[in-house]
Amino acid sequence: MRHFLLFYEYGPDFEIRRAEVREQHLARAWTASARGDLVLAGALAEPLDTGLLLFKGDSAVTAEQFARSDPYVTNGLVEAWRVREWITAVGDDAASPAGKPSDTKEKAHE
């Protein structure tokens, strides 16, 4: 299992136009989440110019397919998108755990 970040660059009229297709976009996102492909998704705040979606899987294909058929993309609300692998190293769901001390829980409570 690996992690992939899907970055969306919203167009200047995103806030005005998103209501047109938001329900379709959210339905697809919740379906991907229920399948276990999409871990988290949302927009970065102030300014509302970027969306970020975290996928997990064996390759970037799932994130790429999501973007290519997402109503935000197909209706021109997203000006550009890209997928990047994120090498996660810390946390219970890290794909490549690194340097975790054996007594982490004890130190967290000190």
N, C-alpha and C. Protein backbone atom coordinates (compact mmCIF):
# COMPACT_ATOMS: atom_id res chain seq x y z
N MET A 1 0.83 -1.18 0.00
CA MET A 1 0.00 0.00 0.00
C MET A 1 0.87 1.24 0.00
N ARG A 2 0.54 2.17 -0.88
CA ARG A 2 1.27 3.44 -0.99
C ARG A 2 0.25 4.57 -0.94
N HIS A 3 0.74 5.79 -0.69
CA HIS A 3 -0.14 6.96 -0.65
C HIS A 3 0.14 7.87 -1.83
N PHE A 4 -0.93 8.47 -2.35
CA PHE A 4 -0.83 9.38 -3.48
C PHE A 4 -1.68 10.61 -3.20
N LEU A 5 -1.12 11.78 -3.45
CA LEU A 5 -1.84 13.04 -3.29
C LEU A 5 -2.28 13.54 -4.66
N LEU A 6 -3.55 13.86 -4.76
CA LEU A 6 -4.09 14.47 -5.97
C LEU A 6 -4.30 15.95 -5.66
N PHE A 7 -3.58 16.79 -6.37
CA PHE A 7 -3.67 18.24 -6.20
C PHE A 7 -4.57 18.81 -7.28
N TYR A 8 -5.52 19.63 -6.88
CA TYR A 8 -6.37 20.36 -7.83
C TYR A 8 -6.04 21.85 -7.73
N GLU A 9 -5.87 22.50 -8.87
CA GLU A 9 -5.75 23.95 -8.92
C GLU A 9 -7.08 24.47 -9.46
N TYR A 10 -7.84 25.11 -8.58
CA TYR A 10 -9.15 25.61 -8.96
C TYR A 10 -9.04 26.85 -9.84
N GLY A 11 -10.01 26.98 -10.75
CA GLY A 11 -10.09 28.18 -11.58
C GLY A 11 -10.62 29.35 -10.78
N PRO A 12 -10.51 30.55 -11.32
CA PRO A 12 -10.92 31.76 -10.59
C PRO A 12 -12.41 31.81 -10.25
N ASP A 13 -13.23 31.08 -10.99
CA ASP A 13 -14.67 31.10 -10.74
C ASP A 13 -15.16 29.86 -9.99
N PHE A 14 -14.24 29.14 -9.35
CA PHE A 14 -14.58 27.90 -8.67
C PHE A 14 -15.69 28.09 -7.64
N GLU A 15 -15.54 29.06 -6.76
CA GLU A 15 -16.53 29.26 -5.69
C GLU A 15 -17.92 29.53 -6.26
N ILE A 16 -17.98 30.25 -7.34
CA ILE A 16 -19.27 30.60 -7.95
C ILE A 16 -19.89 29.40 -8.65
N ARG A 17 -19.08 28.59 -9.34
CA ARG A 17 -19.59 27.51 -10.17
C ARG A 17 -19.68 26.15 -9.49
N ARG A 18 -19.04 25.95 -8.35
CA ARG A 18 -18.97 24.60 -7.80
C ARG A 18 -20.32 24.01 -7.43
N ALA A 19 -21.29 24.83 -7.08
CA ALA A 19 -22.62 24.32 -6.73
C ALA A 19 -23.24 23.53 -7.88
N GLU A 20 -22.87 23.86 -9.12
CA GLU A 20 -23.41 23.18 -10.31
C GLU A 20 -23.15 21.67 -10.29
N VAL A 21 -21.98 21.27 -9.79
CA VAL A 21 -21.58 19.86 -9.87
C VAL A 21 -21.09 19.29 -8.55
N ARG A 22 -21.22 20.06 -7.48
CA ARG A 22 -20.66 19.62 -6.18
C ARG A 22 -21.28 18.30 -5.72
N GLU A 23 -22.59 18.14 -5.88
CA GLU A 23 -23.24 16.91 -5.44
C GLU A 23 -22.67 15.69 -6.17
N GLN A 24 -22.45 15.81 -7.48
CA GLN A 24 -21.86 14.71 -8.26
C GLN A 24 -20.43 14.43 -7.80
N HIS A 25 -19.66 15.49 -7.59
CA HIS A 25 -18.28 15.34 -7.13
C HIS A 25 -18.24 14.63 -5.78
N LEU A 26 -19.07 15.07 -4.84
CA LEU A 26 -19.07 14.47 -3.50
C LEU A 26 -19.54 13.02 -3.53
N ALA A 27 -20.52 12.71 -4.37
CA ALA A 27 -21.00 11.33 -4.47
C ALA A 27 -19.87 10.42 -4.94
N ARG A 28 -19.11 10.87 -5.93
CA ARG A 28 -17.97 10.07 -6.42
C ARG A 28 -16.90 9.93 -5.35
N ALA A 29 -16.65 11.01 -4.61
CA ALA A 29 -15.63 10.97 -3.56
C ALA A 29 -16.04 10.01 -2.45
N TRP A 30 -17.29 10.07 -2.01
CA TRP A 30 -17.75 9.16 -0.95
C TRP A 30 -17.73 7.71 -1.42
N THR A 31 -18.03 7.47 -2.68
CA THR A 31 -17.95 6.11 -3.22
C THR A 31 -16.51 5.61 -3.20
N ALA A 32 -15.57 6.46 -3.61
CA ALA A 32 -14.15 6.09 -3.57
C ALA A 32 -13.68 5.86 -2.14
N SER A 33 -14.21 6.63 -1.22
CA SER A 33 -13.87 6.45 0.20
C SER A 33 -14.41 5.12 0.72
N ALA A 34 -15.64 4.79 0.36
CA ALA A 34 -16.25 3.53 0.80
C ALA A 34 -15.48 2.32 0.27
N ARG A 35 -14.90 2.45 -0.93
CA ARG A 35 -14.08 1.38 -1.51
C ARG A 35 -12.74 1.26 -0.81
N GLY A 36 -12.34 2.30 -0.08
CA GLY A 36 -11.05 2.30 0.58
C GLY A 36 -9.94 2.95 -0.24
N ASP A 37 -10.29 3.53 -1.39
CA ASP A 37 -9.29 4.18 -2.25
C ASP A 37 -8.96 5.60 -1.77
N LEU A 38 -9.97 6.33 -1.37
CA LEU A 38 -9.81 7.73 -0.97
C LEU A 38 -9.82 7.81 0.55
N VAL A 39 -8.75 8.35 1.12
CA VAL A 39 -8.61 8.42 2.57
C VAL A 39 -9.19 9.71 3.11
N LEU A 40 -8.80 10.82 2.54
CA LEU A 40 -9.26 12.15 2.95
C LEU A 40 -9.31 13.04 1.73
N ALA A 41 -10.20 14.03 1.76
CA ALA A 41 -10.28 14.98 0.66
C ALA A 41 -10.86 16.28 1.17
N GLY A 42 -10.44 17.37 0.56
CA GLY A 42 -10.99 18.67 0.92
C GLY A 42 -10.23 19.78 0.22
N ALA A 43 -10.63 20.99 0.55
CA ALA A 43 -10.01 22.17 -0.04
C ALA A 43 -9.14 22.87 0.99
N LEU A 44 -8.08 23.50 0.51
CA LEU A 44 -7.26 24.34 1.37
C LEU A 44 -7.98 25.68 1.53
N ALA A 45 -7.95 26.23 2.72
CA ALA A 45 -8.70 27.45 3.02
C ALA A 45 -7.86 28.70 2.80
N GLU A 46 -8.55 29.75 2.49
CA GLU A 46 -8.02 31.12 2.44
C GLU A 46 -6.65 31.23 1.79
N PRO A 47 -6.57 31.30 0.52
CA PRO A 47 -7.68 31.39 -0.42
C PRO A 47 -8.15 30.01 -0.86
N LEU A 48 -9.37 29.96 -1.33
CA LEU A 48 -9.94 28.70 -1.83
C LEU A 48 -9.48 28.52 -3.28
N ASP A 49 -8.25 28.02 -3.42
CA ASP A 49 -7.67 27.87 -4.75
C ASP A 49 -7.10 26.48 -5.03
N THR A 50 -7.09 25.61 -4.00
CA THR A 50 -6.46 24.31 -4.13
C THR A 50 -7.28 23.24 -3.43
N GLY A 51 -7.44 22.10 -4.09
CA GLY A 51 -8.04 20.93 -3.47
C GLY A 51 -6.97 19.88 -3.29
N LEU A 52 -7.14 19.05 -2.27
CA LEU A 52 -6.15 18.01 -1.97
C LEU A 52 -6.89 16.74 -1.61
N LEU A 53 -6.57 15.65 -2.31
CA LEU A 53 -7.21 14.36 -2.07
C LEU A 53 -6.12 13.32 -1.83
N LEU A 54 -6.26 12.57 -0.76
CA LEU A 54 -5.29 11.54 -0.39
C LEU A 54 -5.85 10.17 -0.74
N PHE A 55 -5.16 9.48 -1.64
CA PHE A 55 -5.53 8.14 -2.06
C PHE A 55 -4.52 7.14 -1.53
N LYS A 56 -4.96 5.89 -1.39
CA LYS A 56 -4.01 4.81 -1.08
C LYS A 56 -4.25 3.68 -2.07
N GLY A 57 -3.16 2.99 -2.41
CA GLY A 57 -3.26 1.89 -3.36
C GLY A 57 -1.89 1.44 -3.81
N ASP A 58 -1.88 0.61 -4.84
CA ASP A 58 -0.64 0.06 -5.35
C ASP A 58 0.04 0.99 -6.36
N SER A 59 -0.75 1.89 -6.97
CA SER A 59 -0.20 2.81 -7.97
C SER A 59 -1.03 4.09 -8.00
N ALA A 60 -0.58 5.04 -8.79
CA ALA A 60 -1.27 6.32 -8.93
C ALA A 60 -2.50 6.23 -9.83
N VAL A 61 -2.72 5.11 -10.45
CA VAL A 61 -3.79 4.97 -11.44
C VAL A 61 -5.17 5.34 -10.88
N THR A 62 -5.48 4.90 -9.68
CA THR A 62 -6.80 5.18 -9.10
C THR A 62 -7.01 6.68 -8.94
N ALA A 63 -6.03 7.40 -8.45
CA ALA A 63 -6.13 8.85 -8.29
C ALA A 63 -6.25 9.53 -9.65
N GLU A 64 -5.48 9.07 -10.61
CA GLU A 64 -5.52 9.65 -11.96
C GLU A 64 -6.89 9.43 -12.61
N GLN A 65 -7.43 8.23 -12.47
CA GLN A 65 -8.75 7.94 -13.05
C GLN A 65 -9.83 8.77 -12.37
N PHE A 66 -9.72 8.95 -11.05
CA PHE A 66 -10.68 9.78 -10.35
C PHE A 66 -10.66 11.19 -10.93
N ALA A 67 -9.48 11.76 -11.09
CA ALA A 67 -9.37 13.13 -11.60
C ALA A 67 -9.92 13.25 -13.02
N ARG A 68 -9.57 12.32 -13.88
CA ARG A 68 -9.99 12.42 -15.28
C ARG A 68 -11.51 12.42 -15.45
N SER A 69 -12.22 11.77 -14.53
CA SER A 69 -13.68 11.70 -14.67
C SER A 69 -14.44 12.52 -13.62
N ASP A 70 -13.73 13.28 -12.81
CA ASP A 70 -14.36 14.10 -11.78
C ASP A 70 -15.10 15.27 -12.43
N PRO A 71 -16.36 15.51 -12.06
CA PRO A 71 -17.11 16.64 -12.62
C PRO A 71 -16.42 17.99 -12.43
N TYR A 72 -15.65 18.17 -11.38
CA TYR A 72 -14.91 19.42 -11.21
C TYR A 72 -13.91 19.60 -12.36
N VAL A 73 -13.31 18.50 -12.80
CA VAL A 73 -12.33 18.56 -13.88
C VAL A 73 -13.03 18.62 -15.23
N THR A 74 -13.99 17.72 -15.46
CA THR A 74 -14.63 17.65 -16.78
C THR A 74 -15.46 18.89 -17.10
N ASN A 75 -15.87 19.64 -16.07
CA ASN A 75 -16.65 20.86 -16.29
C ASN A 75 -15.79 22.13 -16.19
N GLY A 76 -14.48 21.97 -16.11
CA GLY A 76 -13.58 23.10 -16.17
C GLY A 76 -13.41 23.91 -14.90
N LEU A 77 -13.86 23.40 -13.75
CA LEU A 77 -13.67 24.12 -12.50
C LEU A 77 -12.23 23.98 -12.00
N VAL A 78 -11.59 22.89 -12.40
CA VAL A 78 -10.19 22.64 -12.06
C VAL A 78 -9.36 22.99 -13.29
N GLU A 79 -8.44 23.94 -13.12
CA GLU A 79 -7.58 24.36 -14.24
C GLU A 79 -6.45 23.38 -14.50
N ALA A 80 -5.95 22.77 -13.44
CA ALA A 80 -4.84 21.81 -13.58
C ALA A 80 -4.88 20.86 -12.40
N TRP A 81 -4.39 19.64 -12.64
CA TRP A 81 -4.29 18.66 -11.56
C TRP A 81 -3.03 17.84 -11.76
N ARG A 82 -2.55 17.28 -10.66
CA ARG A 82 -1.39 16.39 -10.73
C ARG A 82 -1.45 15.41 -9.57
N VAL A 83 -0.85 14.27 -9.75
CA VAL A 83 -0.76 13.24 -8.71
C VAL A 83 0.70 13.06 -8.35
N ARG A 84 0.97 13.03 -7.05
CA ARG A 84 2.32 12.80 -6.55
C ARG A 84 2.27 11.71 -5.51
N GLU A 85 3.26 10.81 -5.56
CA GLU A 85 3.35 9.81 -4.50
C GLU A 85 3.85 10.52 -3.24
N TRP A 86 3.26 10.16 -2.11
CA TRP A 86 3.65 10.71 -0.82
C TRP A 86 4.23 9.56 -0.01
N ILE A 87 5.49 9.62 0.30
CA ILE A 87 6.15 8.55 1.05
C ILE A 87 5.91 8.84 2.53
N THR A 88 4.88 8.22 3.08
CA THR A 88 4.50 8.46 4.47
C THR A 88 5.38 7.65 5.39
N ALA A 89 5.92 8.31 6.43
CA ALA A 89 6.90 7.68 7.29
C ALA A 89 6.50 7.59 8.76
N VAL A 90 5.56 8.42 9.20
CA VAL A 90 5.17 8.43 10.61
C VAL A 90 3.65 8.38 10.71
N GLY A 91 3.17 7.58 11.63
CA GLY A 91 1.74 7.42 11.86
C GLY A 91 1.33 5.98 11.69
N ASP A 92 0.19 5.64 12.27
CA ASP A 92 -0.28 4.26 12.23
C ASP A 92 -0.50 3.74 10.81
N ASP A 93 -0.84 4.62 9.87
CA ASP A 93 -1.11 4.20 8.50
C ASP A 93 0.05 4.48 7.54
N ALA A 94 1.22 4.80 8.08
CA ALA A 94 2.38 5.09 7.23
C ALA A 94 2.70 3.91 6.34
N ALA A 95 2.96 4.19 5.08
CA ALA A 95 3.30 3.14 4.12
C ALA A 95 4.75 2.68 4.27
N SER A 96 5.62 3.57 4.73
CA SER A 96 7.04 3.24 4.91
C SER A 96 7.48 3.71 6.29
N PRO A 97 7.00 3.04 7.36
CA PRO A 97 7.33 3.49 8.72
C PRO A 97 8.84 3.59 8.93
N ALA A 98 9.25 4.68 9.55
CA ALA A 98 10.68 4.91 9.74
C ALA A 98 10.97 5.35 11.17
N GLY A 99 11.93 4.70 11.79
CA GLY A 99 12.47 5.13 13.06
C GLY A 99 11.52 5.19 14.23
N LYS A 100 10.52 4.33 14.26
CA LYS A 100 9.57 4.36 15.36
C LYS A 100 10.19 3.69 16.59
N PRO A 101 10.36 4.47 17.67
CA PRO A 101 10.88 3.87 18.89
C PRO A 101 9.88 2.88 19.48
N SER A 102 10.36 1.86 20.13
CA SER A 102 9.48 0.83 20.68
C SER A 102 8.63 1.34 21.83
N ASP A 103 9.07 2.41 22.50
CA ASP A 103 8.33 2.92 23.66
C ASP A 103 7.61 4.23 23.36
N THR A 104 7.12 4.42 22.13
CA THR A 104 6.46 5.64 21.71
C THR A 104 5.27 5.99 22.60
N LYS A 105 4.45 5.00 22.93
CA LYS A 105 3.25 5.26 23.72
C LYS A 105 3.62 5.80 25.11
N GLU A 106 4.67 5.24 25.71
CA GLU A 106 5.08 5.69 27.03
C GLU A 106 5.57 7.13 26.98
N LYS A 107 6.35 7.50 25.96
CA LYS A 107 6.88 8.85 25.86
C LYS A 107 5.78 9.87 25.59
N ALA A 108 4.73 9.48 24.91
CA ALA A 108 3.64 10.39 24.60
C ALA A 108 2.89 10.81 25.86
N HIS A 109 2.91 10.00 26.89
CA HIS A 109 2.18 10.30 28.11
C HIS A 109 3.03 11.00 29.17
N GLU A 110 4.31 11.17 28.91
CA GLU A 110 5.19 11.82 29.90
C GLU A 110 5.00 13.31 29.91
